[in-house]
Amino acid sequence: MNKYSIQIASGPDREKLVAEIWLNDIMIVEISQEKPYLEIELFFSDKFDFKLPYEEFLNVVMKAKKILLEE
């Protein structure tokens, strides 16, 4: 099974925190709060197959959203 992790980060180019979603050791998504809405940036690599189980991925995205909005 894939191992997802969520890391909350603060970059020098950001005013607010971001949530990074990692699949094993590859960052695949960043959710930022810089705009009036949450924005998702997807990261793709030709070295990785991005066929992910929808429900599993949706659950981790919802968890990241909850963590960010609680900060």
PDB file of N, CA and C in Angstrom:
ATOM      1  N   MET A   1       0.846  -1.195   0.000  1.00  0.00           N
ATOM      2  CA  MET A   1       0.000   0.000   0.000  1.00  0.00           C
ATOM      3  C   MET A   1       0.882   1.246   0.000  1.00  0.00           C
ATOM      4  N   ASN A   2       0.409   2.271  -0.660  1.00  0.00           N
ATOM      5  CA  ASN A   2       1.144   3.529  -0.717  1.00  0.00           C
ATOM      6  C   ASN A   2       1.146   4.197   0.645  1.00  0.00           C
ATOM      7  N   LYS A   3       2.234   4.877   0.938  1.00  0.00           N
ATOM      8  CA  LYS A   3       2.366   5.589   2.211  1.00  0.00           C
ATOM      9  C   LYS A   3       2.327   7.090   1.962  1.00  0.00           C
ATOM     10  N   TYR A   4       1.225   7.693   2.331  1.00  0.00           N
ATOM     11  CA  TYR A   4       1.069   9.135   2.205  1.00  0.00           C
ATOM     12  C   TYR A   4       1.512   9.800   3.498  1.00  0.00           C
ATOM     13  N   SER A   5       2.065  10.994   3.369  1.00  0.00           N
ATOM     14  CA  SER A   5       2.345  11.807   4.545  1.00  0.00           C
ATOM     15  C   SER A   5       2.030  13.255   4.196  1.00  0.00           C
ATOM     16  N   ILE A   6       1.711  14.021   5.212  1.00  0.00           N
ATOM     17  CA  ILE A   6       1.397  15.440   5.045  1.00  0.00           C
ATOM     18  C   ILE A   6       2.384  16.228   5.877  1.00  0.00           C
ATOM     19  N   GLN A   7       3.038  17.173   5.243  1.00  0.00           N
ATOM     20  CA  GLN A   7       3.966  18.049   5.952  1.00  0.00           C
ATOM     21  C   GLN A   7       3.483  19.484   5.799  1.00  0.00           C
ATOM     22  N   ILE A   8       3.394  20.183   6.910  1.00  0.00           N
ATOM     23  CA  ILE A   8       3.039  21.598   6.889  1.00  0.00           C
ATOM     24  C   ILE A   8       4.343  22.382   6.811  1.00  0.00           C
ATOM     25  N   ALA A   9       4.412  23.297   5.844  1.00  0.00           N
ATOM     26  CA  ALA A   9       5.656  24.017   5.603  1.00  0.00           C
ATOM     27  C   ALA A   9       5.409  25.509   5.475  1.00  0.00           C
ATOM     28  N   SER A  10       6.473  26.257   5.698  1.00  0.00           N
ATOM     29  CA  SER A  10       6.448  27.708   5.546  1.00  0.00           C
ATOM     30  C   SER A  10       7.665  28.096   4.722  1.00  0.00           C
ATOM     31  N   GLY A  11       7.419  28.556   3.513  1.00  0.00           N
ATOM     32  CA  GLY A  11       8.532  28.921   2.646  1.00  0.00           C
ATOM     33  C   GLY A  11       8.815  30.404   2.682  1.00  0.00           C
ATOM     34  N   PRO A  12      10.019  30.814   2.278  1.00  0.00           N
ATOM     35  CA  PRO A  12      10.372  32.234   2.279  1.00  0.00           C
ATOM     36  C   PRO A  12       9.560  33.047   1.275  1.00  0.00           C
ATOM     37  N   ASP A  13       8.986  32.369   0.288  1.00  0.00           N
ATOM     38  CA  ASP A  13       8.195  33.062  -0.736  1.00  0.00           C
ATOM     39  C   ASP A  13       6.703  33.022  -0.438  1.00  0.00           C
ATOM     40  N   ARG A  14       6.338  32.565   0.754  1.00  0.00           N
ATOM     41  CA  ARG A  14       4.923  32.430   1.126  1.00  0.00           C
ATOM     42  C   ARG A  14       4.644  33.197   2.414  1.00  0.00           C
ATOM     43  N   GLU A  15       3.462  33.798   2.481  1.00  0.00           N
ATOM     44  CA  GLU A  15       3.055  34.465   3.711  1.00  0.00           C
ATOM     45  C   GLU A  15       2.350  33.503   4.655  1.00  0.00           C
ATOM     46  N   LYS A  16       1.688  32.490   4.085  1.00  0.00           N
ATOM     47  CA  LYS A  16       0.926  31.528   4.885  1.00  0.00           C
ATOM     48  C   LYS A  16       1.523  30.134   4.728  1.00  0.00           C
ATOM     49  N   LEU A  17       1.083  29.247   5.603  1.00  0.00           N
ATOM     50  CA  LEU A  17       1.549  27.869   5.555  1.00  0.00           C
ATOM     51  C   LEU A  17       1.007  27.137   4.336  1.00  0.00           C
ATOM     52  N   VAL A  18       1.725  26.102   3.926  1.00  0.00           N
ATOM     53  CA  VAL A  18       1.273  25.215   2.871  1.00  0.00           C
ATOM     54  C   VAL A  18       1.257  23.790   3.423  1.00  0.00           C
ATOM     55  N   ALA A  19       0.429  22.948   2.807  1.00  0.00           N
ATOM     56  CA  ALA A  19       0.430  21.523   3.121  1.00  0.00           C
ATOM     57  C   ALA A  19       1.031  20.798   1.926  1.00  0.00           C
ATOM     58  N   GLU A  20       2.078  20.036   2.191  1.00  0.00           N
ATOM     59  CA  GLU A  20       2.686  19.213   1.158  1.00  0.00           C
ATOM     60  C   GLU A  20       2.198  17.784   1.351  1.00  0.00           C
ATOM     61  N   ILE A  21       1.762  17.151   0.288  1.00  0.00           N
ATOM     62  CA  ILE A  21       1.346  15.753   0.358  1.00  0.00           C
ATOM     63  C   ILE A  21       2.411  14.934  -0.362  1.00  0.00           C
ATOM     64  N   TRP A  22       2.956  13.987   0.365  1.00  0.00           N
ATOM     65  CA  TRP A  22       4.024  13.131  -0.139  1.00  0.00           C
ATOM     66  C   TRP A  22       3.495  11.718  -0.302  1.00  0.00           C
ATOM     67  N   LEU A  23       3.919  11.060  -1.364  1.00  0.00           N
ATOM     68  CA  LEU A  23       3.651   9.643  -1.566  1.00  0.00           C
ATOM     69  C   LEU A  23       5.017   8.972  -1.505  1.00  0.00           C
ATOM     70  N   ASN A  24       5.222   8.227  -0.427  1.00  0.00           N
ATOM     71  CA  ASN A  24       6.539   7.669  -0.125  1.00  0.00           C
ATOM     72  C   ASN A  24       7.527   8.833  -0.027  1.00  0.00           C
ATOM     73  N   ASP A  25       8.525   8.937  -0.894  1.00  0.00           N
ATOM     74  CA  ASP A  25       9.505  10.026  -0.784  1.00  0.00           C
ATOM     75  C   ASP A  25       9.388  11.053  -1.913  1.00  0.00           C
ATOM     76  N   ILE A  26       8.206  11.134  -2.529  1.00  0.00           N
ATOM     77  CA  ILE A  26       7.991  12.067  -3.637  1.00  0.00           C
ATOM     78  C   ILE A  26       6.850  13.021  -3.289  1.00  0.00           C
ATOM     79  N   MET A  27       7.142  14.344  -3.325  1.00  0.00           N
ATOM     80  CA  MET A  27       6.076  15.308  -3.096  1.00  0.00           C
ATOM     81  C   MET A  27       5.210  15.358  -4.354  1.00  0.00           C
ATOM     82  N   ILE A  28       3.907  15.107  -4.184  1.00  0.00           N
ATOM     83  CA  ILE A  28       3.013  15.052  -5.338  1.00  0.00           C
ATOM     84  C   ILE A  28       2.034  16.222  -5.393  1.00  0.00           C
ATOM     85  N   VAL A  29       1.759  16.852  -4.247  1.00  0.00           N
ATOM     86  CA  VAL A  29       0.772  17.935  -4.198  1.00  0.00           C
ATOM     87  C   VAL A  29       1.200  18.967  -3.161  1.00  0.00           C
ATOM     88  N   GLU A  30       0.940  20.230  -3.471  1.00  0.00           N
ATOM     89  CA  GLU A  30       1.078  21.302  -2.485  1.00  0.00           C
ATOM     90  C   GLU A  30      -0.247  22.046  -2.456  1.00  0.00           C
ATOM     91  N   ILE A  31      -0.777  22.250  -1.267  1.00  0.00           N
ATOM     92  CA  ILE A  31      -2.007  23.025  -1.086  1.00  0.00           C
ATOM     93  C   ILE A  31      -1.623  24.317  -0.387  1.00  0.00           C
ATOM     94  N   SER A  32      -1.930  25.442  -1.029  1.00  0.00           N
ATOM     95  CA  SER A  32      -1.549  26.731  -0.445  1.00  0.00           C
ATOM     96  C   SER A  32      -2.787  27.555  -0.103  1.00  0.00           C
ATOM     97  N   GLN A  33      -2.568  28.513   0.777  1.00  0.00           N
ATOM     98  CA  GLN A  33      -3.631  29.402   1.262  1.00  0.00           C
ATOM     99  C   GLN A  33      -3.383  30.852   0.850  1.00  0.00           C
ATOM    100  N   GLU A  34      -2.536  31.082  -0.127  1.00  0.00           N
ATOM    101  CA  GLU A  34      -2.143  32.435  -0.493  1.00  0.00           C
ATOM    102  C   GLU A  34      -3.272  33.244  -1.128  1.00  0.00           C
ATOM    103  N   LYS A  35      -4.220  32.575  -1.724  1.00  0.00           N
ATOM    104  CA  LYS A  35      -5.343  33.255  -2.373  1.00  0.00           C
ATOM    105  C   LYS A  35      -6.566  33.152  -1.473  1.00  0.00           C
ATOM    106  N   PRO A  36      -7.676  33.783  -1.825  1.00  0.00           N
ATOM    107  CA  PRO A  36      -8.882  33.684  -0.986  1.00  0.00           C
ATOM    108  C   PRO A  36      -9.471  32.271  -0.941  1.00  0.00           C
ATOM    109  N   TYR A  37      -8.926  31.367  -1.729  1.00  0.00           N
ATOM    110  CA  TYR A  37      -9.375  29.969  -1.773  1.00  0.00           C
ATOM    111  C   TYR A  37      -8.135  29.079  -1.704  1.00  0.00           C
ATOM    112  N   LEU A  38      -8.321  27.828  -1.341  1.00  0.00           N
ATOM    113  CA  LEU A  38      -7.199  26.899  -1.328  1.00  0.00           C
ATOM    114  C   LEU A  38      -6.826  26.539  -2.760  1.00  0.00           C
ATOM    115  N   GLU A  39      -5.538  26.565  -3.058  1.00  0.00           N
ATOM    116  CA  GLU A  39      -5.057  26.248  -4.398  1.00  0.00           C
ATOM    117  C   GLU A  39      -4.188  24.988  -4.333  1.00  0.00           C
ATOM    118  N   ILE A  40      -4.419  24.063  -5.263  1.00  0.00           N
ATOM    119  CA  ILE A  40      -3.675  22.810  -5.310  1.00  0.00           C
ATOM    120  C   ILE A  40      -2.727  22.843  -6.490  1.00  0.00           C
ATOM    121  N   GLU A  41      -1.458  22.535  -6.209  1.00  0.00           N
ATOM    122  CA  GLU A  41      -0.463  22.404  -7.274  1.00  0.00           C
ATOM    123  C   GLU A  41       0.000  20.957  -7.309  1.00  0.00           C
ATOM    124  N   LEU A  42      -0.101  20.343  -8.482  1.00  0.00           N
ATOM    125  CA  LEU A  42       0.308  18.951  -8.654  1.00  0.00           C
ATOM    126  C   LEU A  42       1.706  18.899  -9.248  1.00  0.00           C
ATOM    127  N   PHE A  43       2.499  17.966  -8.773  1.00  0.00           N
ATOM    128  CA  PHE A  43       3.854  17.792  -9.271  1.00  0.00           C
ATOM    129  C   PHE A  43       3.935  16.439  -9.968  1.00  0.00           C
ATOM    130  N   PHE A  44       4.410  16.447 -11.195  1.00  0.00           N
ATOM    131  CA  PHE A  44       4.487  15.222 -11.983  1.00  0.00           C
ATOM    132  C   PHE A  44       5.937  14.890 -12.291  1.00  0.00           C
ATOM    133  N   SER A  45       6.185  13.612 -12.482  1.00  0.00           N
ATOM    134  CA  SER A  45       7.523  13.141 -12.806  1.00  0.00           C
ATOM    135  C   SER A  45       7.409  12.001 -13.805  1.00  0.00           C
ATOM    136  N   ASP A  46       8.278  11.975 -14.762  1.00  0.00           N
ATOM    137  CA  ASP A  46       8.264  10.881 -15.726  1.00  0.00           C
ATOM    138  C   ASP A  46       8.806   9.586 -15.121  1.00  0.00           C
ATOM    139  N   LYS A  47       9.296   9.667 -13.898  1.00  0.00           N
ATOM    140  CA  LYS A  47       9.845   8.493 -13.224  1.00  0.00           C
ATOM    141  C   LYS A  47       8.832   7.829 -12.299  1.00  0.00           C
ATOM    142  N   PHE A  48       7.606   8.298 -12.325  1.00  0.00           N
ATOM    143  CA  PHE A  48       6.624   7.820 -11.351  1.00  0.00           C
ATOM    144  C   PHE A  48       5.268   7.658 -12.012  1.00  0.00           C
ATOM    145  N   ASP A  49       4.574   6.619 -11.688  1.00  0.00           N
ATOM    146  CA  ASP A  49       3.235   6.357 -12.213  1.00  0.00           C
ATOM    147  C   ASP A  49       2.212   6.994 -11.287  1.00  0.00           C
ATOM    148  N   PHE A  50       1.459   7.964 -11.777  1.00  0.00           N
ATOM    149  CA  PHE A  50       0.509   8.683 -10.940  1.00  0.00           C
ATOM    150  C   PHE A  50      -0.895   8.103 -10.987  1.00  0.00           C
ATOM    151  N   LYS A  51      -1.016   6.830 -11.156  1.00  0.00           N
ATOM    152  CA  LYS A  51      -2.311   6.179 -11.052  1.00  0.00           C
ATOM    153  C   LYS A  51      -2.544   5.873  -9.584  1.00  0.00           C
ATOM    154  N   LEU A  52      -3.377   6.689  -8.949  1.00  0.00           N
ATOM    155  CA  LEU A  52      -3.616   6.588  -7.511  1.00  0.00           C
ATOM    156  C   LEU A  52      -5.066   6.229  -7.248  1.00  0.00           C
ATOM    157  N   PRO A  53      -5.331   5.461  -6.197  1.00  0.00           N
ATOM    158  CA  PRO A  53      -6.714   5.180  -5.832  1.00  0.00           C
ATOM    159  C   PRO A  53      -7.425   6.487  -5.454  1.00  0.00           C
ATOM    160  N   TYR A  54      -8.526   6.792  -6.123  1.00  0.00           N
ATOM    161  CA  TYR A  54      -9.233   8.055  -5.936  1.00  0.00           C
ATOM    162  C   TYR A  54      -9.621   8.302  -4.483  1.00  0.00           C
ATOM    163  N   GLU A  55     -10.308   7.366  -3.860  1.00  0.00           N
ATOM    164  CA  GLU A  55     -10.796   7.573  -2.491  1.00  0.00           C
ATOM    165  C   GLU A  55      -9.647   7.759  -1.511  1.00  0.00           C
ATOM    166  N   GLU A  56      -8.600   6.990  -1.681  1.00  0.00           N
ATOM    167  CA  GLU A  56      -7.436   7.105  -0.806  1.00  0.00           C
ATOM    168  C   GLU A  56      -6.808   8.486  -0.928  1.00  0.00           C
ATOM    169  N   PHE A  57      -6.634   8.946  -2.166  1.00  0.00           N
ATOM    170  CA  PHE A  57      -6.035  10.253  -2.382  1.00  0.00           C
ATOM    171  C   PHE A  57      -6.948  11.372  -1.904  1.00  0.00           C
ATOM    172  N   LEU A  58      -8.240  11.263  -2.165  1.00  0.00           N
ATOM    173  CA  LEU A  58      -9.192  12.275  -1.709  1.00  0.00           C
ATOM    174  C   LEU A  58      -9.169  12.388  -0.192  1.00  0.00           C
ATOM    175  N   ASN A  59      -9.079  11.275   0.505  1.00  0.00           N
ATOM    176  CA  ASN A  59      -9.029  11.298   1.964  1.00  0.00           C
ATOM    177  C   ASN A  59      -7.808  12.047   2.474  1.00  0.00           C
ATOM    178  N   VAL A  60      -6.651  11.836   1.859  1.00  0.00           N
ATOM    179  CA  VAL A  60      -5.453  12.530   2.329  1.00  0.00           C
ATOM    180  C   VAL A  60      -5.519  14.019   1.994  1.00  0.00           C
ATOM    181  N   VAL A  61      -6.134  14.390   0.867  1.00  0.00           N
ATOM    182  CA  VAL A  61      -6.315  15.807   0.532  1.00  0.00           C
ATOM    183  C   VAL A  61      -7.246  16.471   1.548  1.00  0.00           C
ATOM    184  N   MET A  62      -8.318  15.812   1.917  1.00  0.00           N
ATOM    185  CA  MET A  62      -9.253  16.371   2.901  1.00  0.00           C
ATOM    186  C   MET A  62      -8.582  16.522   4.268  1.00  0.00           C
ATOM    187  N   LYS A  63      -7.730  15.583   4.629  1.00  0.00           N
ATOM    188  CA  LYS A  63      -7.004  15.673   5.897  1.00  0.00           C
ATOM    189  C   LYS A  63      -6.057  16.869   5.884  1.00  0.00           C
ATOM    190  N   ALA A  64      -5.362  17.089   4.762  1.00  0.00           N
ATOM    191  CA  ALA A  64      -4.459  18.243   4.649  1.00  0.00           C
ATOM    192  C   ALA A  64      -5.236  19.553   4.747  1.00  0.00           C
ATOM    193  N   LYS A  65      -6.391  19.619   4.110  1.00  0.00           N
ATOM    194  CA  LYS A  65      -7.236  20.818   4.180  1.00  0.00           C
ATOM    195  C   LYS A  65      -7.635  21.096   5.619  1.00  0.00           C
ATOM    196  N   LYS A  66      -8.059  20.073   6.341  1.00  0.00           N
ATOM    197  CA  LYS A  66      -8.478  20.235   7.736  1.00  0.00           C
ATOM    198  C   LYS A  66      -7.325  20.748   8.596  1.00  0.00           C
ATOM    199  N   ILE A  67      -6.137  20.180   8.396  1.00  0.00           N
ATOM    200  CA  ILE A  67      -4.974  20.612   9.169  1.00  0.00           C
ATOM    201  C   ILE A  67      -4.647  22.063   8.879  1.00  0.00           C
ATOM    202  N   LEU A  68      -4.655  22.459   7.597  1.00  0.00           N
ATOM    203  CA  LEU A  68      -4.325  23.847   7.243  1.00  0.00           C
ATOM    204  C   LEU A  68      -5.331  24.834   7.836  1.00  0.00           C
ATOM    205  N   LEU A  69      -6.604  24.514   7.769  1.00  0.00           N
ATOM    206  CA  LEU A  69      -7.613  25.452   8.239  1.00  0.00           C
ATOM    207  C   LEU A  69      -7.659  25.537   9.766  1.00  0.00           C
ATOM    208  N   GLU A  70      -7.059  24.578  10.456  1.00  0.00           N
ATOM    209  CA  GLU A  70      -6.982  24.627  11.921  1.00  0.00           C
ATOM    210  C   GLU A  70      -5.799  25.468  12.390  1.00  0.00           C
ATOM    211  N   GLU A  71      -4.815  25.707  11.520  1.00  0.00           N
ATOM    212  CA  GLU A  71      -3.598  26.439  11.900  1.00  0.00           C
ATOM    213  C   GLU A  71      -3.911  27.893  12.151  1.00  0.00           C
TER     214      GLU A  71
END
